Amino acid sequence: MPNASRHLSRTVTAPEPSFASATLSPNRVLCVDLEADEDVEWITTANADGTTYVSGYTIVKREDPGETSKSAEK
């Protein structure tokens, strides 16, 4: 039986690249799985010809609205 305290997870799809699929980089990110209390920051790569694609990501924990104001007071 699953652990009831575990957060629900979700899959977030990366933004579409700015160029045709025939030239997609093999190291590009397609999606990332996140817990309910996480967000993703996408890392993009720009080529010399101006095309871009998502080449990485950072998973960050969401802050409670109350935590933000507490840290600002210190």
C-alpha atoms as a PDB file:
ATOM      1  CA  MET A   1       0.000   0.000   0.000  1.00  0.00           C
ATOM      2  CA  PRO A   2       1.430   3.459  -0.875  1.00  0.00           C
ATOM      3  CA  ASN A   3       2.664   5.748   1.861  1.00  0.00           C
ATOM      4  CA  ALA A   4      -0.176   8.207   2.654  1.00  0.00           C
ATOM      5  CA  SER A   5       2.257  11.005   3.570  1.00  0.00           C
ATOM      6  CA  ARG A   6       3.951  10.915   0.143  1.00  0.00           C
ATOM      7  CA  HIS A   7       3.188  13.899  -2.098  1.00  0.00           C
ATOM      8  CA  LEU A   8       1.452  13.337  -5.408  1.00  0.00           C
ATOM      9  CA  SER A   9       3.815  13.589  -8.344  1.00  0.00           C
ATOM     10  CA  ARG A  10       3.299  15.209 -11.731  1.00  0.00           C
ATOM     11  CA  THR A  11       5.076  15.259 -15.073  1.00  0.00           C
ATOM     12  CA  VAL A  12       5.906  18.647 -16.625  1.00  0.00           C
ATOM     13  CA  THR A  13       6.699  18.807 -20.334  1.00  0.00           C
ATOM     14  CA  ALA A  14       9.625  20.982 -21.436  1.00  0.00           C
ATOM     15  CA  PRO A  15       8.960  23.966 -23.721  1.00  0.00           C
ATOM     16  CA  GLU A  16       9.113  23.127 -27.422  1.00  0.00           C
ATOM     17  CA  PRO A  17      12.417  23.797 -29.237  1.00  0.00           C
ATOM     18  CA  SER A  18      12.531  26.655 -31.723  1.00  0.00           C
ATOM     19  CA  PHE A  19      13.632  24.513 -34.684  1.00  0.00           C
ATOM     20  CA  ALA A  20      12.525  21.572 -36.836  1.00  0.00           C
ATOM     21  CA  SER A  21      12.488  18.113 -35.285  1.00  0.00           C
ATOM     22  CA  ALA A  22      15.023  16.786 -37.821  1.00  0.00           C
ATOM     23  CA  THR A  23      17.752  18.832 -36.135  1.00  0.00           C
ATOM     24  CA  LEU A  24      16.885  18.159 -32.471  1.00  0.00           C
ATOM     25  CA  SER A  25      19.815  17.664 -30.144  1.00  0.00           C
ATOM     26  CA  PRO A  26      20.022  14.167 -28.637  1.00  0.00           C
ATOM     27  CA  ASN A  27      20.698  15.638 -25.179  1.00  0.00           C
ATOM     28  CA  ARG A  28      17.566  17.774 -24.979  1.00  0.00           C
ATOM     29  CA  VAL A  29      15.093  17.400 -22.109  1.00  0.00           C
ATOM     30  CA  LEU A  30      11.567  16.211 -22.942  1.00  0.00           C
ATOM     31  CA  CYS A  31       9.919  16.258 -19.506  1.00  0.00           C
ATOM     32  CA  VAL A  32      10.613  16.001 -15.789  1.00  0.00           C
ATOM     33  CA  ASP A  33       8.734  14.321 -12.929  1.00  0.00           C
ATOM     34  CA  LEU A  34       8.072  16.533  -9.919  1.00  0.00           C
ATOM     35  CA  GLU A  35       6.567  16.103  -6.481  1.00  0.00           C
ATOM     36  CA  ALA A  36       3.586  18.295  -5.561  1.00  0.00           C
ATOM     37  CA  ASP A  37       5.825  20.741  -3.639  1.00  0.00           C
ATOM     38  CA  GLU A  38       8.382  21.177  -6.456  1.00  0.00           C
ATOM     39  CA  ASP A  39       8.732  23.404  -9.516  1.00  0.00           C
ATOM     40  CA  VAL A  40      11.177  23.291 -12.418  1.00  0.00           C
ATOM     41  CA  GLU A  41      13.465  25.978 -13.838  1.00  0.00           C
ATOM     42  CA  TRP A  42      14.384  25.200 -17.450  1.00  0.00           C
ATOM     43  CA  ILE A  43      17.925  25.700 -18.801  1.00  0.00           C
ATOM     44  CA  THR A  44      17.987  26.571 -22.491  1.00  0.00           C
ATOM     45  CA  THR A  45      20.781  26.386 -25.027  1.00  0.00           C
ATOM     46  CA  ALA A  46      20.963  28.853 -27.911  1.00  0.00           C
ATOM     47  CA  ASN A  47      22.808  27.892 -31.080  1.00  0.00           C
ATOM     48  CA  ALA A  48      24.718  30.297 -33.348  1.00  0.00           C
ATOM     49  CA  ASP A  49      21.835  30.276 -35.833  1.00  0.00           C
ATOM     50  CA  GLY A  50      19.399  31.497 -33.147  1.00  0.00           C
ATOM     51  CA  THR A  51      17.633  28.204 -32.518  1.00  0.00           C
ATOM     52  CA  THR A  52      17.048  27.194 -28.901  1.00  0.00           C
ATOM     53  CA  TYR A  53      16.145  24.048 -26.963  1.00  0.00           C
ATOM     54  CA  VAL A  54      15.880  22.931 -23.341  1.00  0.00           C
ATOM     55  CA  SER A  55      19.155  21.251 -22.425  1.00  0.00           C
ATOM     56  CA  GLY A  56      18.741  20.957 -18.670  1.00  0.00           C
ATOM     57  CA  TYR A  57      16.689  21.827 -15.624  1.00  0.00           C
ATOM     58  CA  THR A  58      16.814  22.549 -11.906  1.00  0.00           C
ATOM     59  CA  ILE A  59      14.185  21.249  -9.505  1.00  0.00           C
ATOM     60  CA  VAL A  60      13.324  23.765  -6.781  1.00  0.00           C
ATOM     61  CA  LYS A  61      11.132  23.384  -3.708  1.00  0.00           C
ATOM     62  CA  ARG A  62       8.132  25.687  -3.502  1.00  0.00           C
ATOM     63  CA  GLU A  63       8.203  28.079  -0.565  1.00  0.00           C
ATOM     64  CA  ASP A  64       5.219  28.484   1.713  1.00  0.00           C
ATOM     65  CA  PRO A  65       3.792  32.012   1.350  1.00  0.00           C
ATOM     66  CA  GLY A  66       4.372  32.468   5.097  1.00  0.00           C
ATOM     67  CA  GLU A  67       8.043  31.478   4.824  1.00  0.00           C
ATOM     68  CA  THR A  68       8.768  34.216   2.299  1.00  0.00           C
ATOM     69  CA  SER A  69       7.499  36.967   4.579  1.00  0.00           C
ATOM     70  CA  LYS A  70       9.301  35.510   7.610  1.00  0.00           C
ATOM     71  CA  SER A  71      12.650  35.432   5.823  1.00  0.00           C
ATOM     72  CA  ALA A  72      12.157  39.012   4.602  1.00  0.00           C
ATOM     73  CA  GLU A  73      11.661  40.197   8.213  1.00  0.00           C
ATOM     74  CA  LYS A  74      15.038  38.854   9.396  1.00  0.00           C
END
